[in-house]
Amino acid sequence: MKRQFIFLLLVSLFFNLVLTKTHKKSRKLSQETKDATKGALRLGGSSSNIIIPDAGAEHPLVFSNVDQQPLCLPNKIIPTAIKLKAMTGYEFFVLTNQVKDPKKMVMDKANHLLVISPNNGLYSIRMDKCGNQNMVQILEANALDEPLGNGFALYDQYIYIISTNSVYRFNYSDGQHSPLKEKVKVISNINPTGLTESSDIVINLFGQAFIPHTVTEVNMNTDASHAIIKKFNFHTIPESGYDFQQDGQVFVNGTNTQGLLSLDAQSQLWGINGISHIGSLSDYAEELNQYSAQKNHGFPYCLTKHNSTVTQENHPAFVHGLADDYCQNPTSNVPPAIPLVPASASSALFYTGSFCSMGDQKTQGTSVGLPCTWTNTPMIANHGLEGKPSGHNVVHLPFRDLLHTPRLDKKVDVLLEQALPCRKKTCFSPFGLAFDGYGRLFVSSDETNEIVVLRRTFSETAAQALTDIVEKSNEKKSKKKKSTEKDMNEEDEGTDQEEKTDQEEKTNQTEELNQEEEINQEENN
């Protein structure tokens, strides 16, 4: 019995020793990668040792699982109306070509796509992750007793749809695939003269609705007050609704928006200022504006030069005795965030970062979503003009990671474009943009009646390849650190030796002086 007890005790000590060594080894490996992978997570067992840093790490990676990726394609492949090409490392397919003149798109929380066509109505598209879809019309074009506009928005179990003169509210649940009911007019009198058309509506997380009032005909009587964006409280709407002309708050003026508005991750409002009113002045740019409350954005007096710096000057037809320094003074005029190529841009959409990916052209992506470094940066749908080659593409605008400011010194990333320049009447003409839960980009082309889905090319080995890059980087840093420490130690040793030699010389000199003094004393005696 005593022998058995001793045997069990020895076995227990042996296992404790093994576990302790394994734990120390794991801690040592974690420490080696700590400097380069702050905020990292270790995935898998001790045998895999895959380090997945967060997006703020020096070499950011994300978890990659092939089972989670929508790698399949629809059972029925729909050919594009016009040959398209995607940026290297990306691929696309056509979701549907059965919505005539598709404009704005919104993806609800159920990964369910809504698409509006002003002349036809509102459509609901259910789909699986492969892109097999079922589409129904949930609102007729004549349901509002007024022509439909281009815009609609979701907020608090409702869908708000804009017409040429009003905003209507319907009950809506995420994933709803049935006709909209219980119509309520919540804003009226947007365009009492009928000369202008309200293009869009967006609602932020706080229930603040933003609606632009644009100008289609510019004359010498036009001023900044004619091109505005008004803000309304949709968290609490009066029973009688709002009157656009009398109620609400003027959020900004002097901005003649075209296309669709957009909100970034901080609920800041962005939009595109068109240049249709300047006629043949093709040297000037369209503008992507970040709207500042109670500010003037320059319309119709100020124009932006299309170059690497944001330079504004007076519109030649609207000088009104003002010098160019009026347009260049930020207290009187807010310059655009980014000057855009004059290509009739229709909308901007900021990437939410959902299901984002890491990698490059060599490794490919860790997911089908857009890059993590593009989170909260804008994609631009460049609609283009009929029969003209400029535009007809979707681009990404590069931003600085921390400051969230545009990089005007960098070229845009052309994500999707017509393979050959547009020379005919019907071209690939992007208008609306949307993201799904997989980080894929949906693009509506109103001239070809298509909705195209763009995704990043996925690789099962991308995560491990990028992890290896992290480990190699750590090894190089470790070797460099050890080499530096060695040089410093050798330098310290050399310094110590010199100090020791100096000390010995001083000691010898002291001894010689003492000996001389002793000899002198003996001679004196």
Protein backbone atom coordinates (compact mmCIF):
# COMPACT_ATOMS: atom_id res chain seq x y z
CA MET A 1 0.00 0.00 0.00
CA LYS A 2 2.86 2.26 0.88
CA ARG A 3 4.56 1.54 -2.46
CA GLN A 4 1.36 2.33 -4.37
CA PHE A 5 1.03 5.65 -2.58
CA ILE A 6 4.62 6.59 -3.40
CA PHE A 7 4.10 5.59 -7.06
CA LEU A 8 0.96 7.75 -7.38
CA LEU A 9 2.75 10.66 -5.74
CA LEU A 10 5.64 10.42 -8.22
CA VAL A 11 3.24 10.23 -11.19
CA SER A 12 1.39 13.31 -9.92
CA LEU A 13 4.63 15.25 -9.55
CA PHE A 14 5.69 14.23 -13.07
CA PHE A 15 2.44 15.50 -14.65
CA ASN A 16 2.62 18.76 -12.69
CA LEU A 17 6.15 19.28 -13.97
CA VAL A 18 5.07 18.69 -17.60
CA LEU A 19 2.11 21.05 -17.31
CA THR A 20 4.28 23.74 -15.73
CA LYS A 21 6.82 23.56 -18.58
CA THR A 22 4.06 23.70 -21.19
CA HIS A 23 2.52 26.71 -19.49
CA LYS A 24 5.89 28.47 -19.34
CA LYS A 25 6.50 27.73 -23.02
CA SER A 26 3.09 29.13 -23.94
CA ARG A 27 3.76 32.24 -21.85
CA LYS A 28 7.16 32.66 -23.47
CA LEU A 29 5.66 32.46 -27.00
CA SER A 30 2.97 34.94 -26.07
CA GLN A 31 5.59 37.35 -24.74
CA GLU A 32 7.62 37.09 -27.95
CA THR A 33 4.66 38.26 -30.02
CA LYS A 34 3.27 40.73 -27.53
CA ASP A 35 5.10 43.82 -28.80
CA ALA A 36 3.90 43.45 -32.38
CA THR A 37 0.44 42.09 -31.65
CA LYS A 38 -1.01 44.19 -28.85
CA GLY A 39 -4.65 43.32 -28.35
CA ALA A 40 -4.12 39.96 -30.03
CA LEU A 41 -6.21 36.85 -29.50
CA ARG A 42 -4.82 33.30 -29.60
CA LEU A 43 -7.03 30.93 -31.56
CA GLY A 44 -6.85 27.14 -31.52
CA GLY A 45 -4.79 24.87 -29.29
CA SER A 46 -1.13 25.11 -28.35
CA SER A 47 -0.15 23.24 -31.51
CA SER A 48 -1.53 25.89 -33.90
CA ASN A 49 -0.45 29.05 -32.07
CA ILE A 50 -2.25 31.35 -34.52
CA ILE A 51 -2.15 34.95 -33.35
CA ILE A 52 -5.03 37.13 -34.50
CA PRO A 53 -4.37 40.81 -33.63
CA ASP A 54 -7.09 43.43 -33.65
CA ALA A 55 -7.37 46.16 -36.28
CA GLY A 56 -5.24 48.49 -34.18
CA ALA A 57 -2.27 46.14 -34.07
CA GLU A 58 0.87 46.71 -36.10
CA HIS A 59 0.05 43.70 -38.31
CA PRO A 60 -3.75 43.41 -37.98
CA LEU A 61 -5.44 40.13 -38.85
CA VAL A 62 -8.93 38.81 -38.41
CA PHE A 63 -10.29 35.36 -37.74
CA SER A 64 -10.91 33.43 -40.93
CA ASN A 65 -13.22 30.43 -41.17
CA VAL A 66 -14.12 28.89 -44.50
CA ASP A 67 -17.44 27.61 -43.11
CA GLN A 68 -18.58 31.19 -42.48
CA GLN A 69 -17.76 32.51 -45.95
CA PRO A 70 -20.43 32.91 -48.66
CA LEU A 71 -18.17 31.42 -51.34
CA CYS A 72 -20.93 29.99 -53.52
CA LEU A 73 -22.63 31.68 -56.46
CA PRO A 74 -26.32 31.80 -57.47
CA ASN A 75 -27.68 28.64 -59.09
CA LYS A 76 -28.48 30.69 -62.19
CA ILE A 77 -25.67 32.97 -63.35
CA ILE A 78 -26.96 36.20 -64.92
CA PRO A 79 -24.59 37.69 -67.50
CA THR A 80 -23.88 41.42 -67.23
CA ALA A 81 -25.52 43.67 -69.80
CA ILE A 82 -22.14 45.25 -70.50
CA LYS A 83 -18.75 43.69 -69.84
CA LEU A 84 -17.41 44.75 -66.43
CA LYS A 85 -14.10 44.34 -64.67
CA ALA A 86 -13.29 44.34 -60.96
CA MET A 87 -10.14 45.43 -59.16
CA THR A 88 -7.49 42.71 -58.78
CA GLY A 89 -8.40 40.50 -55.82
CA TYR A 90 -12.16 41.05 -56.20
CA GLU A 91 -14.99 39.30 -58.04
CA PHE A 92 -18.66 40.01 -58.77
CA PHE A 93 -21.98 38.55 -59.86
CA VAL A 94 -25.37 39.93 -60.89
CA LEU A 95 -28.04 39.54 -58.20
CA THR A 96 -30.93 40.57 -60.47
CA ASN A 97 -31.71 42.51 -63.64
CA GLN A 98 -35.46 42.62 -63.07
CA VAL A 99 -35.75 46.03 -61.35
CA LYS A 100 -36.17 48.74 -63.95
CA ASP A 101 -34.30 51.96 -63.12
CA PRO A 102 -33.05 50.92 -59.63
CA LYS A 103 -31.93 53.84 -57.47
CA LYS A 104 -31.36 53.81 -53.72
CA MET A 105 -30.86 50.53 -51.84
CA VAL A 106 -31.03 49.83 -48.10
CA MET A 107 -30.01 46.60 -46.35
CA ASP A 108 -32.08 45.98 -43.23
CA LYS A 109 -30.92 44.16 -40.09
CA ALA A 110 -32.14 40.84 -41.48
CA ASN A 111 -29.70 41.11 -44.43
CA HIS A 112 -32.71 41.82 -46.61
CA LEU A 113 -32.37 44.25 -49.52
CA LEU A 114 -34.85 47.02 -50.34
CA VAL A 115 -34.63 48.82 -53.70
CA ILE A 116 -36.61 51.81 -54.97
CA SER A 117 -37.45 52.65 -58.57
CA PRO A 118 -39.16 56.06 -58.86
CA ASN A 119 -41.26 55.04 -61.86
CA ASN A 120 -42.11 51.56 -60.64
CA GLY A 121 -42.19 51.33 -56.84
CA LEU A 122 -40.36 49.69 -53.93
CA TYR A 123 -39.03 46.12 -54.11
CA SER A 124 -38.12 43.59 -51.43
CA ILE A 125 -35.33 41.10 -52.20
CA ARG A 126 -34.77 38.08 -50.00
CA MET A 127 -31.63 36.06 -50.70
CA ASP A 128 -29.44 33.32 -49.32
CA LYS A 129 -25.71 33.79 -48.89
CA CYS A 130 -25.07 32.43 -52.40
CA GLY A 131 -27.18 35.15 -54.01
CA ASN A 132 -30.25 33.09 -54.90
CA GLN A 133 -33.01 35.64 -54.51
CA ASN A 134 -36.75 36.03 -54.34
CA MET A 135 -38.12 39.46 -55.22
CA VAL A 136 -41.56 40.98 -54.65
CA GLN A 137 -42.93 44.47 -55.07
CA ILE A 138 -44.14 45.85 -51.73
CA LEU A 139 -45.22 49.33 -52.88
CA GLU A 140 -46.72 50.49 -56.17
CA ALA A 141 -45.40 53.61 -57.87
CA ASN A 142 -48.78 55.38 -57.56
CA ALA A 143 -49.35 54.46 -53.91
CA LEU A 144 -48.41 57.94 -52.61
CA ASP A 145 -50.64 59.97 -54.96
CA GLU A 146 -47.41 61.82 -55.87
CA PRO A 147 -44.41 60.73 -57.95
CA LEU A 148 -41.86 58.76 -55.97
CA GLY A 149 -38.46 60.28 -55.26
CA ASN A 150 -35.14 58.44 -55.14
CA GLY A 151 -34.88 58.09 -51.39
CA PHE A 152 -36.20 56.18 -48.40
CA ALA A 153 -34.92 55.32 -44.92
CA LEU A 154 -35.54 52.86 -42.07
CA TYR A 155 -35.97 53.95 -38.46
CA ASP A 156 -37.67 52.47 -35.39
CA GLN A 157 -39.90 49.84 -37.05
CA TYR A 158 -40.93 52.23 -39.80
CA ILE A 159 -39.92 52.90 -43.38
CA TYR A 160 -40.00 56.52 -44.57
CA ILE A 161 -40.41 57.09 -48.32
CA ILE A 162 -39.95 60.44 -50.01
CA SER A 163 -41.99 61.70 -52.94
CA THR A 164 -41.46 64.86 -54.96
CA ASN A 165 -43.29 66.94 -52.35
CA SER A 166 -43.82 64.85 -49.19
CA VAL A 167 -42.52 62.14 -46.86
CA TYR A 168 -44.73 59.13 -46.00
CA ARG A 169 -44.36 56.61 -43.20
CA PHE A 170 -45.29 52.90 -43.27
CA ASN A 171 -44.97 50.17 -40.67
CA TYR A 172 -42.01 47.91 -41.42
CA SER A 173 -40.29 44.95 -39.75
CA ASP A 174 -36.80 43.77 -40.69
CA GLY A 175 -37.09 41.01 -43.27
CA GLN A 176 -40.65 41.97 -44.24
CA HIS A 177 -41.60 40.53 -47.62
CA SER A 178 -45.21 41.70 -47.87
CA PRO A 179 -46.90 44.91 -49.09
CA LEU A 180 -46.54 48.06 -46.98
CA LYS A 181 -49.65 49.24 -45.16
CA GLU A 182 -50.95 52.08 -42.96
CA LYS A 183 -49.66 55.09 -44.90
CA VAL A 184 -49.14 58.31 -42.91
CA LYS A 185 -47.91 61.63 -44.33
CA VAL A 186 -45.30 63.04 -41.92
CA ILE A 187 -43.85 65.94 -43.97
CA SER A 188 -45.57 68.03 -46.63
CA ASN A 189 -44.87 71.10 -48.77
CA ILE A 190 -41.26 70.23 -49.67
CA ASN A 191 -41.49 71.66 -53.19
CA PRO A 192 -44.55 73.93 -53.38
CA THR A 193 -43.52 75.40 -56.76
CA GLY A 194 -42.85 72.01 -58.30
CA LEU A 195 -39.64 73.36 -59.87
CA THR A 196 -37.27 71.33 -57.73
CA GLU A 197 -37.15 67.78 -56.55
CA SER A 198 -36.11 66.41 -53.17
CA SER A 199 -33.77 63.54 -53.84
CA ASP A 200 -33.24 61.68 -50.58
CA ILE A 201 -33.84 61.25 -46.87
CA VAL A 202 -31.52 59.83 -44.21
CA ILE A 203 -32.19 59.30 -40.50
CA ASN A 204 -29.43 58.94 -37.92
CA LEU A 205 -29.42 56.83 -34.75
CA PHE A 206 -30.91 59.70 -32.75
CA GLY A 207 -34.00 59.99 -34.94
CA GLN A 208 -32.85 63.15 -36.72
CA ALA A 209 -34.03 63.15 -40.33
CA PHE A 210 -32.14 65.13 -42.99
CA ILE A 211 -33.84 66.19 -46.21
CA PRO A 212 -32.19 68.28 -48.95
CA HIS A 213 -33.87 70.96 -51.02
CA THR A 214 -32.05 71.33 -54.32
CA VAL A 215 -32.01 73.77 -57.21
CA THR A 216 -32.31 72.58 -60.80
CA GLU A 217 -32.43 75.97 -62.52
CA VAL A 218 -29.88 78.60 -61.50
CA ASN A 219 -30.30 82.32 -62.27
CA MET A 220 -29.00 85.61 -60.92
CA ASN A 221 -31.58 85.57 -58.12
CA THR A 222 -30.35 82.23 -56.78
CA ASP A 223 -28.58 82.39 -53.43
CA ALA A 224 -27.41 80.04 -50.66
CA SER A 225 -30.84 79.90 -49.01
CA HIS A 226 -32.30 78.10 -52.02
CA ALA A 227 -30.03 75.06 -51.63
CA ILE A 228 -30.32 73.73 -48.09
CA ILE A 229 -30.60 70.64 -45.93
CA LYS A 230 -33.23 70.71 -43.19
CA LYS A 231 -33.31 68.61 -40.04
CA PHE A 232 -36.47 67.18 -38.42
CA ASN A 233 -37.09 65.23 -35.23
CA PHE A 234 -38.47 61.83 -36.25
CA HIS A 235 -38.18 60.41 -32.76
CA THR A 236 -41.35 62.35 -31.96
CA ILE A 237 -43.49 63.46 -34.90
CA PRO A 238 -46.52 65.76 -34.40
CA GLU A 239 -49.86 64.16 -35.13
CA SER A 240 -50.45 66.64 -37.95
CA GLY A 241 -46.94 66.13 -39.33
CA TYR A 242 -44.40 68.75 -40.35
CA ASP A 243 -44.56 71.51 -42.96
CA PHE A 244 -41.16 71.57 -44.69
CA GLN A 245 -41.25 75.32 -45.33
CA GLN A 246 -42.30 76.32 -41.81
CA ASP A 247 -40.98 73.59 -39.51
CA GLY A 248 -37.67 71.90 -38.90
CA GLN A 249 -34.24 73.46 -38.65
CA VAL A 250 -31.94 74.58 -41.46
CA PHE A 251 -28.96 72.31 -40.87
CA VAL A 252 -26.73 73.75 -43.63
CA ASN A 253 -27.17 76.10 -46.57
CA GLY A 254 -25.32 76.70 -49.79
CA THR A 255 -25.19 73.03 -50.71
CA ASN A 256 -26.91 71.89 -53.88
CA THR A 257 -26.83 68.16 -53.23
CA GLN A 258 -27.32 65.60 -55.96
CA GLY A 259 -27.85 61.88 -55.66
CA LEU A 260 -27.96 60.37 -52.18
CA LEU A 261 -26.90 61.47 -48.70
CA SER A 262 -24.82 59.30 -46.37
CA LEU A 263 -23.98 58.93 -42.68
CA ASP A 264 -20.59 57.76 -41.45
CA ALA A 265 -19.87 55.71 -38.31
CA GLN A 266 -20.14 58.84 -36.12
CA SER A 267 -23.50 59.77 -37.69
CA GLN A 268 -21.87 62.72 -39.45
CA LEU A 269 -23.72 63.75 -42.60
CA TRP A 270 -22.04 63.62 -46.02
CA GLY A 271 -23.26 64.38 -49.52
CA ILE A 272 -22.27 65.28 -53.06
CA ASN A 273 -22.56 68.77 -54.50
CA GLY A 274 -23.16 68.71 -58.23
CA ILE A 275 -21.88 71.07 -60.92
CA SER A 276 -24.69 70.88 -63.48
CA HIS A 277 -25.28 74.61 -62.96
CA ILE A 278 -21.83 75.63 -64.23
CA GLY A 279 -22.34 74.50 -67.81
CA SER A 280 -19.14 74.20 -69.80
CA LEU A 281 -16.74 74.98 -66.93
CA SER A 282 -15.27 71.49 -66.97
CA ASP A 283 -12.12 72.45 -65.05
CA TYR A 284 -14.15 72.48 -61.87
CA ALA A 285 -14.94 69.54 -59.63
CA GLU A 286 -17.91 67.98 -58.03
CA GLU A 287 -17.61 67.94 -54.26
CA LEU A 288 -17.91 65.41 -51.47
CA ASN A 289 -18.95 67.47 -48.46
CA GLN A 290 -18.92 66.68 -44.78
CA TYR A 291 -21.74 68.91 -43.64
CA SER A 292 -21.18 71.12 -40.61
CA ALA A 293 -24.20 72.38 -38.70
CA GLN A 294 -25.19 75.99 -39.30
CA LYS A 295 -22.51 76.45 -41.97
CA ASN A 296 -22.47 77.70 -45.55
CA HIS A 297 -21.00 75.36 -48.17
CA GLY A 298 -20.54 77.87 -50.96
CA PHE A 299 -23.34 77.32 -53.48
CA PRO A 300 -23.81 79.09 -55.85
CA TYR A 301 -20.87 81.47 -55.38
CA CYS A 302 -17.89 79.16 -54.89
CA LEU A 303 -16.42 76.55 -57.22
CA THR A 304 -13.72 73.99 -56.49
CA LYS A 305 -10.71 73.38 -58.70
CA HIS A 306 -10.13 69.72 -59.44
CA ASN A 307 -6.56 69.15 -58.24
CA SER A 308 -4.68 67.64 -55.29
CA THR A 309 -5.48 70.56 -53.00
CA VAL A 310 -8.90 71.98 -52.20
CA THR A 311 -8.76 75.37 -53.91
CA GLN A 312 -11.93 77.38 -54.36
CA GLU A 313 -12.70 80.53 -56.30
CA ASN A 314 -15.74 82.56 -57.22
CA HIS A 315 -18.22 81.42 -59.84
CA PRO A 316 -17.72 83.87 -62.74
CA ALA A 317 -21.47 84.50 -62.99
CA PHE A 318 -21.93 85.10 -59.25
CA VAL A 319 -19.10 87.43 -58.30
CA HIS A 320 -21.38 89.99 -56.65
CA GLY A 321 -18.36 92.12 -55.76
CA LEU A 322 -16.75 89.31 -53.74
CA ALA A 323 -13.08 88.44 -54.12
CA ASP A 324 -11.82 84.87 -54.22
CA ASP A 325 -10.74 85.15 -50.58
CA TYR A 326 -14.43 84.98 -49.63
CA CYS A 327 -14.56 81.41 -50.92
CA GLN A 328 -11.19 80.61 -49.35
CA ASN A 329 -12.20 81.93 -45.93
CA PRO A 330 -13.51 79.02 -43.77
CA THR A 331 -15.55 81.40 -41.62
CA SER A 332 -17.71 82.37 -44.60
CA ASN A 333 -17.52 79.16 -46.63
CA VAL A 334 -16.77 75.54 -45.69
CA PRO A 335 -14.62 73.93 -48.40
CA PRO A 336 -15.42 70.40 -49.58
CA ALA A 337 -13.75 67.42 -47.94
CA ILE A 338 -12.79 65.96 -51.32
CA PRO A 339 -12.93 67.39 -54.85
CA LEU A 340 -14.29 64.76 -57.23
CA VAL A 341 -13.69 64.19 -60.92
CA PRO A 342 -16.61 65.74 -62.83
CA ALA A 343 -18.34 62.47 -63.62
CA SER A 344 -21.83 62.94 -62.17
CA ALA A 345 -21.22 61.09 -58.92
CA SER A 346 -24.54 59.92 -57.52
CA SER A 347 -23.87 58.68 -54.00
CA ALA A 348 -21.34 58.03 -51.26
CA LEU A 349 -21.56 55.20 -48.75
CA PHE A 350 -19.29 54.61 -45.75
CA TYR A 351 -18.17 51.05 -45.06
CA THR A 352 -19.26 49.77 -41.66
CA GLY A 353 -16.44 47.22 -41.35
CA SER A 354 -18.85 44.28 -41.08
CA PHE A 355 -17.09 40.93 -41.81
CA CYS A 356 -14.03 42.88 -42.98
CA SER A 357 -10.92 41.21 -44.36
CA MET A 358 -7.14 41.51 -44.27
CA GLY A 359 -4.60 40.56 -46.90
CA ASP A 360 -3.07 41.75 -50.14
CA GLN A 361 -3.00 40.64 -53.77
CA LYS A 362 -0.53 37.87 -52.89
CA THR A 363 -2.32 36.41 -49.86
CA GLN A 364 -5.86 37.37 -51.02
CA GLY A 365 -8.50 38.00 -48.37
CA THR A 366 -9.28 36.48 -44.99
CA SER A 367 -12.98 37.00 -45.79
CA VAL A 368 -15.18 38.12 -48.68
CA GLY A 369 -15.75 41.50 -47.00
CA LEU A 370 -13.95 44.69 -47.92
CA PRO A 371 -10.64 45.50 -46.16
CA CYS A 372 -10.72 46.35 -42.46
CA THR A 373 -8.55 49.39 -43.16
CA TRP A 374 -11.42 50.78 -45.24
CA THR A 375 -13.79 50.89 -42.26
CA ASN A 376 -15.60 54.24 -42.08
CA THR A 377 -14.22 55.38 -45.44
CA PRO A 378 -16.41 56.22 -48.45
CA MET A 379 -17.25 54.31 -51.60
CA ILE A 380 -18.43 56.55 -54.44
CA ALA A 381 -20.89 55.54 -57.16
CA ASN A 382 -19.84 57.50 -60.25
CA HIS A 383 -22.92 57.40 -62.43
CA GLY A 384 -21.36 59.08 -65.45
CA LEU A 385 -23.11 60.86 -68.29
CA GLU A 386 -24.87 59.22 -71.20
CA GLY A 387 -22.46 58.26 -73.96
CA LYS A 388 -19.43 59.83 -72.23
CA PRO A 389 -16.48 57.74 -70.98
CA SER A 390 -15.83 59.43 -67.62
CA GLY A 391 -17.42 57.87 -64.57
CA HIS A 392 -19.38 54.63 -64.94
CA ASN A 393 -17.54 53.06 -62.01
CA VAL A 394 -17.43 52.53 -58.25
CA VAL A 395 -14.37 53.77 -56.39
CA HIS A 396 -12.98 53.80 -52.85
CA LEU A 397 -11.54 57.06 -51.50
CA PRO A 398 -8.48 56.56 -49.23
CA PHE A 399 -8.59 58.12 -45.75
CA ARG A 400 -6.07 58.45 -42.92
CA ASP A 401 -6.73 55.75 -40.32
CA LEU A 402 -6.63 57.82 -37.12
CA LEU A 403 -7.56 61.34 -38.19
CA HIS A 404 -10.43 60.21 -40.45
CA THR A 405 -9.39 62.73 -43.08
CA PRO A 406 -9.05 62.14 -46.83
CA ARG A 407 -5.72 61.36 -48.49
CA LEU A 408 -5.79 63.69 -51.46
CA ASP A 409 -2.24 62.58 -52.37
CA LYS A 410 -3.37 59.00 -53.06
CA LYS A 411 -5.15 57.61 -56.08
CA VAL A 412 -8.63 56.19 -55.67
CA ASP A 413 -9.21 52.43 -55.78
CA VAL A 414 -11.40 51.58 -58.78
CA LEU A 415 -13.45 48.65 -57.48
CA LEU A 416 -15.80 48.02 -60.39
CA GLU A 417 -16.01 49.61 -63.83
CA GLN A 418 -17.05 49.12 -67.39
CA ALA A 419 -14.36 47.08 -69.17
CA LEU A 420 -14.33 49.47 -72.13
CA PRO A 421 -15.05 53.22 -72.07
CA CYS A 422 -18.70 54.16 -72.42
CA ARG A 423 -19.46 55.32 -75.95
CA LYS A 424 -23.07 54.21 -76.32
CA LYS A 425 -26.37 55.36 -74.89
CA THR A 426 -26.67 52.51 -72.37
CA CYS A 427 -23.71 52.10 -70.01
CA PHE A 428 -22.93 50.68 -66.59
CA SER A 429 -24.19 53.58 -64.46
CA PRO A 430 -23.91 53.06 -60.68
CA PHE A 431 -26.39 54.98 -58.56
CA GLY A 432 -27.11 53.28 -55.21
CA LEU A 433 -24.76 51.42 -52.85
CA ALA A 434 -25.37 49.06 -49.92
CA PHE A 435 -23.42 46.60 -47.74
CA ASP A 436 -24.67 43.27 -46.42
CA GLY A 437 -23.63 41.46 -43.25
CA TYR A 438 -20.80 39.71 -45.10
CA GLY A 439 -19.16 43.01 -46.04
CA ARG A 440 -20.10 42.62 -49.72
CA LEU A 441 -20.87 45.74 -51.74
CA PHE A 442 -24.18 45.94 -53.66
CA VAL A 443 -24.32 48.35 -56.62
CA SER A 444 -27.43 49.43 -58.54
CA SER A 445 -26.99 50.45 -62.19
CA ASP A 446 -30.06 52.38 -63.30
CA GLU A 447 -29.34 52.30 -67.05
CA THR A 448 -28.67 48.55 -67.28
CA ASN A 449 -31.35 47.67 -64.66
CA GLU A 450 -28.85 45.57 -62.69
CA ILE A 451 -27.88 45.03 -59.09
CA VAL A 452 -24.29 43.78 -58.95
CA VAL A 453 -22.62 42.22 -55.89
CA LEU A 454 -18.89 42.82 -55.39
CA ARG A 455 -16.87 40.70 -52.95
CA ARG A 456 -13.24 40.13 -52.10
CA THR A 457 -11.54 36.94 -53.28
CA PHE A 458 -11.20 34.63 -50.27
CA SER A 459 -8.27 32.34 -49.44
CA GLU A 460 -8.25 29.71 -46.70
CA THR A 461 -4.51 30.23 -46.23
CA ALA A 462 -4.61 34.02 -45.94
CA ALA A 463 -4.93 34.11 -42.15
CA GLN A 464 -2.05 31.69 -41.60
CA ALA A 465 0.10 33.46 -44.20
CA LEU A 466 -0.43 36.80 -42.51
CA THR A 467 0.22 35.23 -39.11
CA ASP A 468 3.55 33.96 -40.44
CA ILE A 469 4.36 37.51 -41.49
CA VAL A 470 3.74 38.64 -37.91
CA GLU A 471 5.97 35.90 -36.52
CA LYS A 472 8.78 36.70 -38.98
CA SER A 473 8.49 40.36 -38.12
CA ASN A 474 8.78 39.47 -34.45
CA GLU A 475 11.87 37.36 -35.10
CA LYS A 476 13.54 40.20 -36.99
CA LYS A 477 12.74 42.62 -34.18
CA SER A 478 14.00 40.15 -31.59
CA LYS A 479 17.27 39.63 -33.49
CA LYS A 480 17.71 43.35 -33.95
CA LYS A 481 17.06 43.94 -30.26
CA LYS A 482 19.56 41.26 -29.23
CA SER A 483 22.14 42.67 -31.66
CA THR A 484 21.65 46.15 -30.24
CA GLU A 485 21.94 44.85 -26.67
CA LYS A 486 25.12 42.95 -27.62
CA ASP A 487 26.68 46.07 -29.13
CA MET A 488 25.75 48.05 -26.04
CA ASN A 489 27.24 45.38 -23.76
CA GLU A 490 30.46 45.31 -25.78
CA GLU A 491 30.59 49.07 -25.64
CA ASP A 492 30.02 48.98 -21.88
CA GLU A 493 32.74 46.34 -21.48
CA GLY A 494 35.16 48.48 -23.50
CA THR A 495 34.29 51.48 -21.36
CA ASP A 496 34.82 49.46 -18.17
CA GLN A 497 38.21 48.25 -19.46
CA GLU A 498 39.27 51.80 -20.27
CA GLU A 499 38.19 52.97 -16.83
CA LYS A 500 40.08 50.07 -15.26
CA THR A 501 43.25 50.92 -17.23
CA ASP A 502 42.98 54.59 -16.27
CA GLN A 503 42.55 53.63 -12.65
CA GLU A 504 45.61 51.38 -12.79
CA GLU A 505 47.69 54.15 -14.34
CA LYS A 506 46.56 56.56 -11.62
CA THR A 507 47.45 53.99 -8.96
CA ASN A 508 50.90 53.47 -10.47
CA GLN A 509 51.50 57.21 -10.63
CA THR A 510 50.46 57.55 -7.00
CA GLU A 511 52.83 54.76 -5.94
CA GLU A 512 55.71 56.36 -7.87
CA LEU A 513 55.06 59.70 -6.19
CA ASN A 514 54.98 58.05 -2.78
CA GLN A 515 58.29 56.31 -3.50
CA GLU A 516 59.89 59.60 -4.57
CA GLU A 517 58.69 61.28 -1.36
CA GLU A 518 60.17 58.47 0.75
CA ILE A 519 63.52 58.77 -1.07
CA ASN A 520 63.55 62.54 -0.60
CA GLN A 521 62.81 62.17 3.12
CA GLU A 522 65.66 59.65 3.53
CA GLU A 523 68.10 61.99 1.72
CA ASN A 524 67.07 64.88 3.94
CA ASN A 525 67.62 62.79 7.04
